[in-house]
């Protein structure tokens, strides 16, 4: 059994904050594929490319990424990279790098490939 906690907009994929998966020995990638397979058809689309995933509180990127093998009773937190925020800009520095957080508002004129275009333009 693996416990999956959904954070932010991810809760809307299954209309609940938590789901128990009765499978073991899955990788994170296999878990995401399974979740896409069982997701209710009438719920929001599931973007498995823009997620932060933590296993037992540890970011999967500090483990083996999406190839990390999950064990019985692991707790997996799924956090969409894009989620709501404040209307104010927040500025700070980390290791001499300027960081700025700001809000995006929904624009009905954006194309479906908006994120892919941004990734291409700003690798």
PDB file of N, CA and C in Angstrom:
ATOM      1  N   UNK A   1       0.843  -1.183   0.000  1.00  0.00           N
ATOM      2  CA  UNK A   1       0.000   0.000   0.000  1.00  0.00           C
ATOM      3  C   UNK A   1       0.888   1.246   0.000  1.00  0.00           C
ATOM      4  N   UNK A   2       0.536   2.209  -0.822  1.00  0.00           N
ATOM      5  CA  UNK A   2       1.227   3.498  -0.905  1.00  0.00           C
ATOM      6  C   UNK A   2       0.177   4.583  -0.682  1.00  0.00           C
ATOM      7  N   UNK A   3       0.485   5.542   0.165  1.00  0.00           N
ATOM      8  CA  UNK A   3      -0.435   6.655   0.413  1.00  0.00           C
ATOM      9  C   UNK A   3       0.018   7.829  -0.442  1.00  0.00           C
ATOM     10  N   UNK A   4      -0.910   8.372  -1.222  1.00  0.00           N
ATOM     11  CA  UNK A   4      -0.609   9.505  -2.099  1.00  0.00           C
ATOM     12  C   UNK A   4      -1.377  10.717  -1.585  1.00  0.00           C
ATOM     13  N   UNK A   5      -0.649  11.772  -1.234  1.00  0.00           N
ATOM     14  CA  UNK A   5      -1.254  13.035  -0.808  1.00  0.00           C
ATOM     15  C   UNK A   5      -1.176  14.021  -1.961  1.00  0.00           C
ATOM     16  N   UNK A   6      -2.301  14.654  -2.257  1.00  0.00           N
ATOM     17  CA  UNK A   6      -2.357  15.656  -3.319  1.00  0.00           C
ATOM     18  C   UNK A   6      -2.372  17.039  -2.683  1.00  0.00           C
ATOM     19  N   UNK A   7      -1.571  17.952  -3.227  1.00  0.00           N
ATOM     20  CA  UNK A   7      -1.476  19.310  -2.708  1.00  0.00           C
ATOM     21  C   UNK A   7      -1.955  20.294  -3.768  1.00  0.00           C
ATOM     22  N   UNK A   8      -2.550  21.396  -3.319  1.00  0.00           N
ATOM     23  CA  UNK A   8      -2.983  22.441  -4.248  1.00  0.00           C
ATOM     24  C   UNK A   8      -3.974  21.929  -5.272  1.00  0.00           C
ATOM     25  N   UNK A   9      -3.771  22.327  -6.532  1.00  0.00           N
ATOM     26  CA  UNK A   9      -4.673  21.951  -7.620  1.00  0.00           C
ATOM     27  C   UNK A   9      -4.725  20.458  -7.884  1.00  0.00           C
ATOM     28  N   UNK A  10      -3.730  19.713  -7.410  1.00  0.00           N
ATOM     29  CA  UNK A  10      -3.720  18.261  -7.627  1.00  0.00           C
ATOM     30  C   UNK A  10      -4.906  17.589  -6.943  1.00  0.00           C
ATOM     31  N   UNK A  11      -5.443  18.204  -5.881  1.00  0.00           N
ATOM     32  CA  UNK A  11      -6.616  17.642  -5.194  1.00  0.00           C
ATOM     33  C   UNK A  11      -7.804  17.529  -6.141  1.00  0.00           C
ATOM     34  N   UNK A  12      -7.866  18.415  -7.131  1.00  0.00           N
ATOM     35  CA  UNK A  12      -8.999  18.423  -8.060  1.00  0.00           C
ATOM     36  C   UNK A  12      -8.957  17.250  -9.030  1.00  0.00           C
ATOM     37  N   UNK A  13      -7.782  16.612  -9.197  1.00  0.00           N
ATOM     38  CA  UNK A  13      -7.686  15.481 -10.113  1.00  0.00           C
ATOM     39  C   UNK A  13      -8.515  14.302  -9.629  1.00  0.00           C
ATOM     40  N   UNK A  14      -8.579  14.125  -8.302  1.00  0.00           N
ATOM     41  CA  UNK A  14      -9.299  12.987  -7.742  1.00  0.00           C
ATOM     42  C   UNK A  14     -10.411  13.421  -6.798  1.00  0.00           C
ATOM     43  N   UNK A  15     -10.649  14.732  -6.702  1.00  0.00           N
ATOM     44  CA  UNK A  15     -11.680  15.289  -5.832  1.00  0.00           C
ATOM     45  C   UNK A  15     -11.499  14.852  -4.386  1.00  0.00           C
ATOM     46  N   UNK A  16     -10.252  14.666  -3.969  1.00  0.00           N
ATOM     47  CA  UNK A  16      -9.935  14.315  -2.587  1.00  0.00           C
ATOM     48  C   UNK A  16      -8.457  14.617  -2.338  1.00  0.00           C
ATOM     49  N   UNK A  17      -8.093  14.847  -1.077  1.00  0.00           N
ATOM     50  CA  UNK A  17      -6.705  15.206  -0.786  1.00  0.00           C
ATOM     51  C   UNK A  17      -5.754  14.014  -0.670  1.00  0.00           C
ATOM     52  N   UNK A  18      -6.303  12.800  -0.554  1.00  0.00           N
ATOM     53  CA  UNK A  18      -5.455  11.629  -0.333  1.00  0.00           C
ATOM     54  C   UNK A  18      -6.053  10.406  -1.017  1.00  0.00           C
ATOM     55  N   UNK A  19      -5.182   9.522  -1.444  1.00  0.00           N
ATOM     56  CA  UNK A  19      -5.605   8.295  -2.126  1.00  0.00           C
ATOM     57  C   UNK A  19      -4.678   7.169  -1.672  1.00  0.00           C
ATOM     58  N   UNK A  20      -5.243   6.005  -1.410  1.00  0.00           N
ATOM     59  CA  UNK A  20      -4.437   4.837  -1.068  1.00  0.00           C
ATOM     60  C   UNK A  20      -4.344   3.945  -2.292  1.00  0.00           C
ATOM     61  N   UNK A  21      -3.124   3.609  -2.668  1.00  0.00           N
ATOM     62  CA  UNK A  21      -2.887   2.758  -3.836  1.00  0.00           C
ATOM     63  C   UNK A  21      -2.446   1.394  -3.319  1.00  0.00           C
ATOM     64  N   UNK A  22      -3.203   0.381  -3.666  1.00  0.00           N
ATOM     65  CA  UNK A  22      -2.920  -0.981  -3.194  1.00  0.00           C
ATOM     66  C   UNK A  22      -1.952  -1.692  -4.129  1.00  0.00           C
ATOM     67  N   UNK A  23      -0.830  -1.062  -4.378  1.00  0.00           N
ATOM     68  CA  UNK A  23       0.226  -1.645  -5.210  1.00  0.00           C
ATOM     69  C   UNK A  23       1.545  -1.387  -4.510  1.00  0.00           C
ATOM     70  N   UNK A  24       2.507  -2.253  -4.759  1.00  0.00           N
ATOM     71  CA  UNK A  24       3.834  -2.088  -4.174  1.00  0.00           C
ATOM     72  C   UNK A  24       4.886  -2.244  -5.256  1.00  0.00           C
ATOM     73  N   UNK A  25       6.111  -1.849  -4.917  1.00  0.00           N
ATOM     74  CA  UNK A  25       7.254  -1.991  -5.824  1.00  0.00           C
ATOM     75  C   UNK A  25       7.076  -1.249  -7.142  1.00  0.00           C
ATOM     76  N   UNK A  26       6.411  -0.099  -7.088  1.00  0.00           N
ATOM     77  CA  UNK A  26       6.276   0.757  -8.268  1.00  0.00           C
ATOM     78  C   UNK A  26       7.358   1.825  -8.219  1.00  0.00           C
ATOM     79  N   UNK A  27       7.761   2.308  -9.378  1.00  0.00           N
ATOM     80  CA  UNK A  27       8.583   3.519  -9.410  1.00  0.00           C
ATOM     81  C   UNK A  27       7.623   4.707  -9.348  1.00  0.00           C
ATOM     82  N   UNK A  28       8.149   5.890  -9.094  1.00  0.00           N
ATOM     83  CA  UNK A  28       7.295   7.078  -9.108  1.00  0.00           C
ATOM     84  C   UNK A  28       6.656   7.222 -10.484  1.00  0.00           C
ATOM     85  N   UNK A  29       7.415   6.994 -11.551  1.00  0.00           N
ATOM     86  CA  UNK A  29       6.877   7.101 -12.910  1.00  0.00           C
ATOM     87  C   UNK A  29       5.719   6.130 -13.109  1.00  0.00           C
ATOM     88  N   UNK A  30       5.874   4.896 -12.635  1.00  0.00           N
ATOM     89  CA  UNK A  30       4.797   3.904 -12.763  1.00  0.00           C
ATOM     90  C   UNK A  30       3.581   4.310 -11.941  1.00  0.00           C
ATOM     91  N   UNK A  31       3.813   4.897 -10.772  1.00  0.00           N
ATOM     92  CA  UNK A  31       2.706   5.387  -9.954  1.00  0.00           C
ATOM     93  C   UNK A  31       1.959   6.487 -10.695  1.00  0.00           C
ATOM     94  N   UNK A  32       2.686   7.439 -11.287  1.00  0.00           N
ATOM     95  CA  UNK A  32       2.034   8.523 -12.029  1.00  0.00           C
ATOM     96  C   UNK A  32       1.235   7.980 -13.206  1.00  0.00           C
ATOM     97  N   UNK A  33       1.785   7.013 -13.921  1.00  0.00           N
ATOM     98  CA  UNK A  33       1.058   6.398 -15.037  1.00  0.00           C
ATOM     99  C   UNK A  33      -0.211   5.713 -14.543  1.00  0.00           C
ATOM    100  N   UNK A  34      -0.129   5.047 -13.404  1.00  0.00           N
ATOM    101  CA  UNK A  34      -1.306   4.392 -12.818  1.00  0.00           C
ATOM    102  C   UNK A  34      -2.353   5.433 -12.416  1.00  0.00           C
ATOM    103  N   UNK A  35      -1.910   6.534 -11.804  1.00  0.00           N
ATOM    104  CA  UNK A  35      -2.851   7.580 -11.395  1.00  0.00           C
ATOM    105  C   UNK A  35      -3.557   8.189 -12.606  1.00  0.00           C
ATOM    106  N   UNK A  36      -2.821   8.400 -13.691  1.00  0.00           N
ATOM    107  CA  UNK A  36      -3.437   8.919 -14.919  1.00  0.00           C
ATOM    108  C   UNK A  36      -4.486   7.938 -15.422  1.00  0.00           C
ATOM    109  N   UNK A  37      -4.184   6.659 -15.324  1.00  0.00           N
ATOM    110  CA  UNK A  37      -5.094   5.609 -15.794  1.00  0.00           C
ATOM    111  C   UNK A  37      -6.394   5.563 -14.986  1.00  0.00           C
ATOM    112  N   UNK A  38      -6.316   5.786 -13.659  1.00  0.00           N
ATOM    113  CA  UNK A  38      -7.512   5.660 -12.811  1.00  0.00           C
ATOM    114  C   UNK A  38      -8.205   6.990 -12.537  1.00  0.00           C
ATOM    115  N   UNK A  39      -7.630   8.094 -13.014  1.00  0.00           N
ATOM    116  CA  UNK A  39      -8.209   9.418 -12.767  1.00  0.00           C
ATOM    117  C   UNK A  39      -9.614   9.497 -13.341  1.00  0.00           C
ATOM    118  N   UNK A  40     -10.572  10.045 -12.569  1.00  0.00           N
ATOM    119  CA  UNK A  40     -11.919  10.217 -13.115  1.00  0.00           C
ATOM    120  C   UNK A  40     -11.886  11.022 -14.412  1.00  0.00           C
ATOM    121  N   UNK A  41     -12.632  10.573 -15.392  1.00  0.00           N
ATOM    122  CA  UNK A  41     -12.626  11.204 -16.725  1.00  0.00           C
ATOM    123  C   UNK A  41     -13.099  12.658 -16.690  1.00  0.00           C
ATOM    124  N   UNK A  42     -13.983  12.977 -15.737  1.00  0.00           N
ATOM    125  CA  UNK A  42     -14.546  14.328 -15.692  1.00  0.00           C
ATOM    126  C   UNK A  42     -13.714  15.294 -14.840  1.00  0.00           C
ATOM    127  N   UNK A  43     -12.557  14.861 -14.351  1.00  0.00           N
ATOM    128  CA  UNK A  43     -11.727  15.752 -13.536  1.00  0.00           C
ATOM    129  C   UNK A  43     -10.696  16.471 -14.412  1.00  0.00           C
ATOM    130  N   UNK A  44     -10.012  17.428 -13.809  1.00  0.00           N
ATOM    131  CA  UNK A  44      -9.030  18.231 -14.546  1.00  0.00           C
ATOM    132  C   UNK A  44      -7.925  17.364 -15.126  1.00  0.00           C
ATOM    133  N   UNK A  45      -7.285  17.869 -16.168  1.00  0.00           N
ATOM    134  CA  UNK A  45      -6.196  17.116 -16.795  1.00  0.00           C
ATOM    135  C   UNK A  45      -5.010  17.004 -15.836  1.00  0.00           C
ATOM    136  N   UNK A  46      -4.263  15.959 -16.013  1.00  0.00           N
ATOM    137  CA  UNK A  46      -3.169  15.584 -15.120  1.00  0.00           C
ATOM    138  C   UNK A  46      -1.864  15.800 -15.872  1.00  0.00           C
ATOM    139  N   UNK A  47      -1.085  16.781 -15.471  1.00  0.00           N
ATOM    140  CA  UNK A  47       0.166  17.102 -16.158  1.00  0.00           C
ATOM    141  C   UNK A  47       1.329  16.505 -15.379  1.00  0.00           C
ATOM    142  N   UNK A  48       1.744  15.303 -15.745  1.00  0.00           N
ATOM    143  CA  UNK A  48       2.795  14.617 -14.989  1.00  0.00           C
ATOM    144  C   UNK A  48       4.192  15.172 -15.262  1.00  0.00           C
ATOM    145  N   UNK A  49       4.318  16.127 -16.171  1.00  0.00           N
ATOM    146  CA  UNK A  49       5.623  16.730 -16.474  1.00  0.00           C
ATOM    147  C   UNK A  49       5.924  17.939 -15.583  1.00  0.00           C
ATOM    148  N   UNK A  50       4.918  18.464 -14.917  1.00  0.00           N
ATOM    149  CA  UNK A  50       5.081  19.671 -14.110  1.00  0.00           C
ATOM    150  C   UNK A  50       4.700  19.418 -12.659  1.00  0.00           C
ATOM    151  N   UNK A  51       5.370  18.426 -12.063  1.00  0.00           N
ATOM    152  CA  UNK A  51       5.076  18.041 -10.688  1.00  0.00           C
ATOM    153  C   UNK A  51       6.345  18.008  -9.851  1.00  0.00           C
ATOM    154  N   UNK A  52       6.186  18.332  -8.591  1.00  0.00           N
ATOM    155  CA  UNK A  52       7.195  18.024  -7.594  1.00  0.00           C
ATOM    156  C   UNK A  52       6.656  16.817  -6.847  1.00  0.00           C
ATOM    157  N   UNK A  53       7.500  15.831  -6.634  1.00  0.00           N
ATOM    158  CA  UNK A  53       7.072  14.621  -5.938  1.00  0.00           C
ATOM    159  C   UNK A  53       8.024  14.381  -4.776  1.00  0.00           C
ATOM    160  N   UNK A  54       7.458  14.201  -3.592  1.00  0.00           N
ATOM    161  CA  UNK A  54       8.260  13.887  -2.411  1.00  0.00           C
ATOM    162  C   UNK A  54       7.860  12.508  -1.904  1.00  0.00           C
ATOM    163  N   UNK A  55       8.844  11.738  -1.476  1.00  0.00           N
ATOM    164  CA  UNK A  55       8.605  10.410  -0.908  1.00  0.00           C
ATOM    165  C   UNK A  55       9.050  10.459   0.549  1.00  0.00           C
ATOM    166  N   UNK A  56       8.091  10.253   1.441  1.00  0.00           N
ATOM    167  CA  UNK A  56       8.375  10.320   2.880  1.00  0.00           C
ATOM    168  C   UNK A  56       9.075  11.631   3.243  1.00  0.00           C
ATOM    169  N   UNK A  57       8.626  12.720   2.608  1.00  0.00           N
ATOM    170  CA  UNK A  57       9.143  14.051   2.904  1.00  0.00           C
ATOM    171  C   UNK A  57      10.423  14.428   2.188  1.00  0.00           C
ATOM    172  N   UNK A  58      10.949  13.549   1.324  1.00  0.00           N
ATOM    173  CA  UNK A  58      12.196  13.833   0.610  1.00  0.00           C
ATOM    174  C   UNK A  58      11.887  14.053  -0.867  1.00  0.00           C
ATOM    175  N   UNK A  59      12.340  15.186  -1.408  1.00  0.00           N
ATOM    176  CA  UNK A  59      12.122  15.488  -2.826  1.00  0.00           C
ATOM    177  C   UNK A  59      12.701  14.358  -3.674  1.00  0.00           C
ATOM    178  N   UNK A  60      11.914  13.886  -4.629  1.00  0.00           N
ATOM    179  CA  UNK A  60      12.354  12.759  -5.467  1.00  0.00           C
ATOM    180  C   UNK A  60      13.635  13.078  -6.233  1.00  0.00           C
ATOM    181  N   UNK A  61      13.893  14.357  -6.507  1.00  0.00           N
ATOM    182  CA  UNK A  61      15.127  14.709  -7.223  1.00  0.00           C
ATOM    183  C   UNK A  61      16.364  14.448  -6.365  1.00  0.00           C
ATOM    184  N   UNK A  62      16.201  14.364  -5.047  1.00  0.00           N
ATOM    185  CA  UNK A  62      17.312  14.030  -4.158  1.00  0.00           C
ATOM    186  C   UNK A  62      17.465  12.517  -4.018  1.00  0.00           C
ATOM    187  N   UNK A  63      16.539  11.772  -4.595  1.00  0.00           N
ATOM    188  CA  UNK A  63      16.588  10.308  -4.588  1.00  0.00           C
ATOM    189  C   UNK A  63      17.019   9.868  -5.984  1.00  0.00           C
ATOM    190  N   UNK A  64      16.204   9.060  -6.635  1.00  0.00           N
ATOM    191  CA  UNK A  64      16.513   8.622  -8.010  1.00  0.00           C
ATOM    192  C   UNK A  64      15.517   9.196  -9.003  1.00  0.00           C
ATOM    193  N   UNK A  65      15.008  10.407  -8.699  1.00  0.00           N
ATOM    194  CA  UNK A  65      14.040  11.029  -9.591  1.00  0.00           C
ATOM    195  C   UNK A  65      12.792  10.173  -9.721  1.00  0.00           C
ATOM    196  N   UNK A  66      12.188  10.188 -10.905  1.00  0.00           N
ATOM    197  CA  UNK A  66      10.953   9.427 -11.111  1.00  0.00           C
ATOM    198  C   UNK A  66      11.212   7.931 -11.235  1.00  0.00           C
ATOM    199  N   UNK A  67      12.477   7.526 -11.195  1.00  0.00           N
ATOM    200  CA  UNK A  67      12.810   6.093 -11.182  1.00  0.00           C
ATOM    201  C   UNK A  67      12.889   5.552  -9.750  1.00  0.00           C
ATOM    202  N   UNK A  68      12.704   6.420  -8.759  1.00  0.00           N
ATOM    203  CA  UNK A  68      12.725   6.000  -7.359  1.00  0.00           C
ATOM    204  C   UNK A  68      11.701   4.901  -7.136  1.00  0.00           C
ATOM    205  N   UNK A  69      12.128   3.809  -6.533  1.00  0.00           N
ATOM    206  CA  UNK A  69      11.226   2.697  -6.227  1.00  0.00           C
ATOM    207  C   UNK A  69      10.501   2.984  -4.917  1.00  0.00           C
ATOM    208  N   UNK A  70       9.199   2.774  -4.936  1.00  0.00           N
ATOM    209  CA  UNK A  70       8.369   2.998  -3.760  1.00  0.00           C
ATOM    210  C   UNK A  70       8.189   1.681  -3.017  1.00  0.00           C
ATOM    211  N   UNK A  71       8.156   1.786  -1.689  1.00  0.00           N
ATOM    212  CA  UNK A  71       7.998   0.603  -0.855  1.00  0.00           C
ATOM    213  C   UNK A  71       6.665   0.662  -0.118  1.00  0.00           C
ATOM    214  N   UNK A  72       6.296  -0.463   0.466  1.00  0.00           N
ATOM    215  CA  UNK A  72       5.055  -0.538   1.228  1.00  0.00           C
ATOM    216  C   UNK A  72       5.055   0.527   2.321  1.00  0.00           C
ATOM    217  N   UNK A  73       3.910   1.193   2.471  1.00  0.00           N
ATOM    218  CA  UNK A  73       3.671   2.242   3.468  1.00  0.00           C
ATOM    219  C   UNK A  73       4.416   3.549   3.194  1.00  0.00           C
ATOM    220  N   UNK A  74       4.996   3.712   2.009  1.00  0.00           N
ATOM    221  CA  UNK A  74       5.579   5.004   1.656  1.00  0.00           C
ATOM    222  C   UNK A  74       4.463   6.034   1.518  1.00  0.00           C
ATOM    223  N   UNK A  75       4.789   7.273   1.842  1.00  0.00           N
ATOM    224  CA  UNK A  75       3.857   8.385   1.663  1.00  0.00           C
ATOM    225  C   UNK A  75       4.424   9.272   0.558  1.00  0.00           C
ATOM    226  N   UNK A  76       3.644   9.440  -0.501  1.00  0.00           N
ATOM    227  CA  UNK A  76       4.061  10.224  -1.665  1.00  0.00           C
ATOM    228  C   UNK A  76       3.230  11.500  -1.709  1.00  0.00           C
ATOM    229  N   UNK A  77       3.906  12.646  -1.739  1.00  0.00           N
ATOM    230  CA  UNK A  77       3.222  13.931  -1.876  1.00  0.00           C
ATOM    231  C   UNK A  77       3.411  14.430  -3.297  1.00  0.00           C
ATOM    232  N   UNK A  78       2.299  14.789  -3.932  1.00  0.00           N
ATOM    233  CA  UNK A  78       2.330  15.293  -5.305  1.00  0.00           C
ATOM    234  C   UNK A  78       1.920  16.762  -5.280  1.00  0.00           C
ATOM    235  N   UNK A  79       2.826  17.601  -5.780  1.00  0.00           N
ATOM    236  CA  UNK A  79       2.626  19.045  -5.746  1.00  0.00           C
ATOM    237  C   UNK A  79       2.788  19.592  -7.158  1.00  0.00           C
ATOM    238  N   UNK A  80       1.745  20.191  -7.734  1.00  0.00           N
ATOM    239  CA  UNK A  80       1.899  20.798  -9.060  1.00  0.00           C
ATOM    240  C   UNK A  80       2.910  21.944  -9.001  1.00  0.00           C
ATOM    241  N   UNK A  81       3.752  22.046 -10.017  1.00  0.00           N
ATOM    242  CA  UNK A  81       4.734  23.126 -10.067  1.00  0.00           C
ATOM    243  C   UNK A  81       4.020  24.463 -10.159  1.00  0.00           C
ATOM    244  N   UNK A  82       2.959  24.509 -10.915  1.00  0.00           N
ATOM    245  CA  UNK A  82       2.203  25.746 -11.086  1.00  0.00           C
ATOM    246  C   UNK A  82       1.030  25.710 -10.122  1.00  0.00           C
ATOM    247  N   UNK A  83       0.979  26.705  -9.249  1.00  0.00           N
ATOM    248  CA  UNK A  83      -0.117  26.798  -8.299  1.00  0.00           C
ATOM    249  C   UNK A  83      -0.290  28.255  -7.914  1.00  0.00           C
ATOM    250  N   UNK A  84      -1.376  28.543  -7.231  1.00  0.00           N
ATOM    251  CA  UNK A  84      -1.737  29.917  -6.916  1.00  0.00           C
ATOM    252  C   UNK A  84      -0.751  30.601  -5.991  1.00  0.00           C
ATOM    253  N   UNK A  85      -0.927  31.893  -5.822  1.00  0.00           N
ATOM    254  CA  UNK A  85      -0.010  32.632  -4.963  1.00  0.00           C
ATOM    255  C   UNK A  85      -0.535  34.012  -4.644  1.00  0.00           C
ATOM    256  N   UNK A  86       0.329  34.837  -4.163  1.00  0.00           N
ATOM    257  CA  UNK A  86       0.000  36.183  -3.739  1.00  0.00           C
ATOM    258  C   UNK A  86      -0.040  37.137  -4.929  1.00  0.00           C
ATOM    259  N   UNK A  87      -0.747  38.242  -4.763  1.00  0.00           N
ATOM    260  CA  UNK A  87      -0.765  39.253  -5.808  1.00  0.00           C
ATOM    261  C   UNK A  87       0.502  40.101  -5.764  1.00  0.00           C
ATOM    262  N   UNK A  88       1.268  40.006  -4.687  1.00  0.00           N
ATOM    263  CA  UNK A  88       2.489  40.792  -4.559  1.00  0.00           C
ATOM    264  C   UNK A  88       3.673  40.019  -5.118  1.00  0.00           C
ATOM    265  N   UNK A  89       4.648  40.765  -5.603  1.00  0.00           N
ATOM    266  CA  UNK A  89       5.906  40.145  -6.009  1.00  0.00           C
ATOM    267  C   UNK A  89       6.775  39.987  -4.767  1.00  0.00           C
ATOM    268  N   UNK A  90       7.479  38.896  -4.714  1.00  0.00           N
ATOM    269  CA  UNK A  90       8.378  38.646  -3.598  1.00  0.00           C
ATOM    270  C   UNK A  90       9.783  38.515  -4.171  1.00  0.00           C
ATOM    271  N   UNK A  91      10.721  39.293  -3.640  1.00  0.00           N
ATOM    272  CA  UNK A  91      12.097  39.267  -4.133  1.00  0.00           C
ATOM    273  C   UNK A  91      13.027  38.871  -2.995  1.00  0.00           C
ATOM    274  N   UNK A  92      14.023  38.023  -3.317  1.00  0.00           N
ATOM    275  CA  UNK A  92      15.030  37.637  -2.341  1.00  0.00           C
ATOM    276  C   UNK A  92      16.234  37.066  -3.069  1.00  0.00           C
ATOM    277  N   UNK A  93      17.313  36.797  -2.321  1.00  0.00           N
ATOM    278  CA  UNK A  93      18.536  36.244  -2.909  1.00  0.00           C
ATOM    279  C   UNK A  93      18.846  34.903  -2.272  1.00  0.00           C
ATOM    280  N   UNK A  94      19.341  33.988  -3.101  1.00  0.00           N
ATOM    281  CA  UNK A  94      19.861  32.709  -2.628  1.00  0.00           C
ATOM    282  C   UNK A  94      21.198  32.516  -3.324  1.00  0.00           C
ATOM    283  N   UNK A  95      22.258  32.362  -2.544  1.00  0.00           N
ATOM    284  CA  UNK A  95      23.607  32.156  -3.095  1.00  0.00           C
ATOM    285  C   UNK A  95      23.943  33.169  -4.188  1.00  0.00           C
ATOM    286  N   UNK A  96      23.723  34.440  -3.902  1.00  0.00           N
ATOM    287  CA  UNK A  96      24.011  35.529  -4.842  1.00  0.00           C
ATOM    288  C   UNK A  96      23.154  35.511  -6.103  1.00  0.00           C
ATOM    289  N   UNK A  97      22.098  34.740  -6.130  1.00  0.00           N
ATOM    290  CA  UNK A  97      21.176  34.718  -7.264  1.00  0.00           C
ATOM    291  C   UNK A  97      19.904  35.458  -6.868  1.00  0.00           C
ATOM    292  N   UNK A  98      19.472  36.385  -7.702  1.00  0.00           N
ATOM    293  CA  UNK A  98      18.219  37.080  -7.448  1.00  0.00           C
ATOM    294  C   UNK A  98      17.057  36.173  -7.809  1.00  0.00           C
ATOM    295  N   UNK A  99      16.110  36.072  -6.907  1.00  0.00           N
ATOM    296  CA  UNK A  99      14.911  35.263  -7.110  1.00  0.00           C
ATOM    297  C   UNK A  99      13.710  36.188  -6.993  1.00  0.00           C
ATOM    298  N   UNK A 100      12.774  36.054  -7.906  1.00  0.00           N
ATOM    299  CA  UNK A 100      11.561  36.855  -7.848  1.00  0.00           C
ATOM    300  C   UNK A 100      10.364  35.955  -8.104  1.00  0.00           C
ATOM    301  N   UNK A 101       9.404  36.030  -7.216  1.00  0.00           N
ATOM    302  CA  UNK A 101       8.162  35.285  -7.371  1.00  0.00           C
ATOM    303  C   UNK A 101       7.075  36.271  -7.749  1.00  0.00           C
ATOM    304  N   UNK A 102       6.230  35.882  -8.678  1.00  0.00           N
ATOM    305  CA  UNK A 102       5.144  36.759  -9.073  1.00  0.00           C
ATOM    306  C   UNK A 102       3.963  35.926  -9.530  1.00  0.00           C
ATOM    307  N   UNK A 103       2.857  36.593  -9.681  1.00  0.00           N
ATOM    308  CA  UNK A 103       1.597  35.921  -9.981  1.00  0.00           C
ATOM    309  C   UNK A 103       1.331  35.893 -11.483  1.00  0.00           C
ATOM    310  N   UNK A 104       0.817  34.759 -11.948  1.00  0.00           N
ATOM    311  CA  UNK A 104       0.284  34.644 -13.302  1.00  0.00           C
ATOM    312  C   UNK A 104      -1.230  34.585 -13.185  1.00  0.00           C
ATOM    313  N   UNK A 105      -1.906  35.313 -14.001  1.00  0.00           N
ATOM    314  CA  UNK A 105      -3.366  35.232 -14.020  1.00  0.00           C
ATOM    315  C   UNK A 105      -3.800  34.464 -15.252  1.00  0.00           C
ATOM    316  N   UNK A 106      -4.912  33.795 -15.128  1.00  0.00           N
ATOM    317  CA  UNK A 106      -5.425  33.010 -16.246  1.00  0.00           C
ATOM    318  C   UNK A 106      -5.730  33.930 -17.422  1.00  0.00           C
ATOM    319  N   UNK A 107      -5.251  33.540 -18.571  1.00  0.00           N
ATOM    320  CA  UNK A 107      -5.503  34.276 -19.799  1.00  0.00           C
ATOM    321  C   UNK A 107      -6.124  33.294 -20.778  1.00  0.00           C
ATOM    322  N   UNK A 108      -7.369  33.491 -21.092  1.00  0.00           N
ATOM    323  CA  UNK A 108      -8.076  32.539 -21.951  1.00  0.00           C
ATOM    324  C   UNK A 108      -7.498  32.468 -23.360  1.00  0.00           C
ATOM    325  N   UNK A 109      -6.638  33.420 -23.729  1.00  0.00           N
ATOM    326  CA  UNK A 109      -6.063  33.421 -25.068  1.00  0.00           C
ATOM    327  C   UNK A 109      -4.759  32.631 -25.168  1.00  0.00           C
ATOM    328  N   UNK A 110      -4.265  32.105 -24.042  1.00  0.00           N
ATOM    329  CA  UNK A 110      -3.019  31.342 -24.081  1.00  0.00           C
ATOM    330  C   UNK A 110      -3.226  30.031 -24.827  1.00  0.00           C
ATOM    331  N   UNK A 111      -2.225  29.656 -25.588  1.00  0.00           N
ATOM    332  CA  UNK A 111      -2.277  28.402 -26.329  1.00  0.00           C
ATOM    333  C   UNK A 111      -1.980  27.242 -25.386  1.00  0.00           C
ATOM    334  N   UNK A 112      -2.415  26.036 -25.761  1.00  0.00           N
ATOM    335  CA  UNK A 112      -2.177  24.849 -24.944  1.00  0.00           C
ATOM    336  C   UNK A 112      -0.693  24.582 -24.738  1.00  0.00           C
ATOM    337  N   UNK A 113       0.135  24.933 -25.690  1.00  0.00           N
ATOM    338  CA  UNK A 113       1.563  24.640 -25.600  1.00  0.00           C
ATOM    339  C   UNK A 113       2.356  25.792 -24.966  1.00  0.00           C
ATOM    340  N   UNK A 114       1.689  26.652 -24.213  1.00  0.00           N
ATOM    341  CA  UNK A 114       2.316  27.810 -23.586  1.00  0.00           C
ATOM    342  C   UNK A 114       3.542  27.419 -22.757  1.00  0.00           C
ATOM    343  N   UNK A 115       3.407  26.408 -21.874  1.00  0.00           N
ATOM    344  CA  UNK A 115       4.529  25.997 -21.028  1.00  0.00           C
ATOM    345  C   UNK A 115       5.672  25.421 -21.850  1.00  0.00           C
ATOM    346  N   UNK A 116       5.363  24.619 -22.846  1.00  0.00           N
ATOM    347  CA  UNK A 116       6.410  24.055 -23.701  1.00  0.00           C
ATOM    348  C   UNK A 116       7.167  25.161 -24.433  1.00  0.00           C
ATOM    349  N   UNK A 117       6.443  26.171 -24.902  1.00  0.00           N
ATOM    350  CA  UNK A 117       7.087  27.301 -25.576  1.00  0.00           C
ATOM    351  C   UNK A 117       8.020  28.055 -24.622  1.00  0.00           C
ATOM    352  N   UNK A 118       7.580  28.240 -23.370  1.00  0.00           N
ATOM    353  CA  UNK A 118       8.433  28.903 -22.384  1.00  0.00           C
ATOM    354  C   UNK A 118       9.698  28.095 -22.116  1.00  0.00           C
ATOM    355  N   UNK A 119       9.547  26.777 -21.996  1.00  0.00           N
ATOM    356  CA  UNK A 119      10.715  25.919 -21.755  1.00  0.00           C
ATOM    357  C   UNK A 119      11.700  25.989 -22.919  1.00  0.00           C
ATOM    358  N   UNK A 120      11.195  26.074 -24.139  1.00  0.00           N
ATOM    359  CA  UNK A 120      12.066  26.170 -25.312  1.00  0.00           C
ATOM    360  C   UNK A 120      12.801  27.504 -25.319  1.00  0.00           C
ATOM    361  N   UNK A 121      12.069  28.568 -25.010  1.00  0.00           N
ATOM    362  CA  UNK A 121      12.660  29.905 -25.030  1.00  0.00           C
ATOM    363  C   UNK A 121      13.628  30.133 -23.872  1.00  0.00           C
ATOM    364  N   UNK A 122      13.327  29.540 -22.709  1.00  0.00           N
ATOM    365  CA  UNK A 122      14.152  29.727 -21.508  1.00  0.00           C
ATOM    366  C   UNK A 122      14.555  28.368 -20.938  1.00  0.00           C
ATOM    367  N   UNK A 123      15.503  27.674 -21.595  1.00  0.00           N
ATOM    368  CA  UNK A 123      15.876  26.312 -21.154  1.00  0.00           C
ATOM    369  C   UNK A 123      16.506  26.260 -19.772  1.00  0.00           C
TER     370      UNK A 123
END
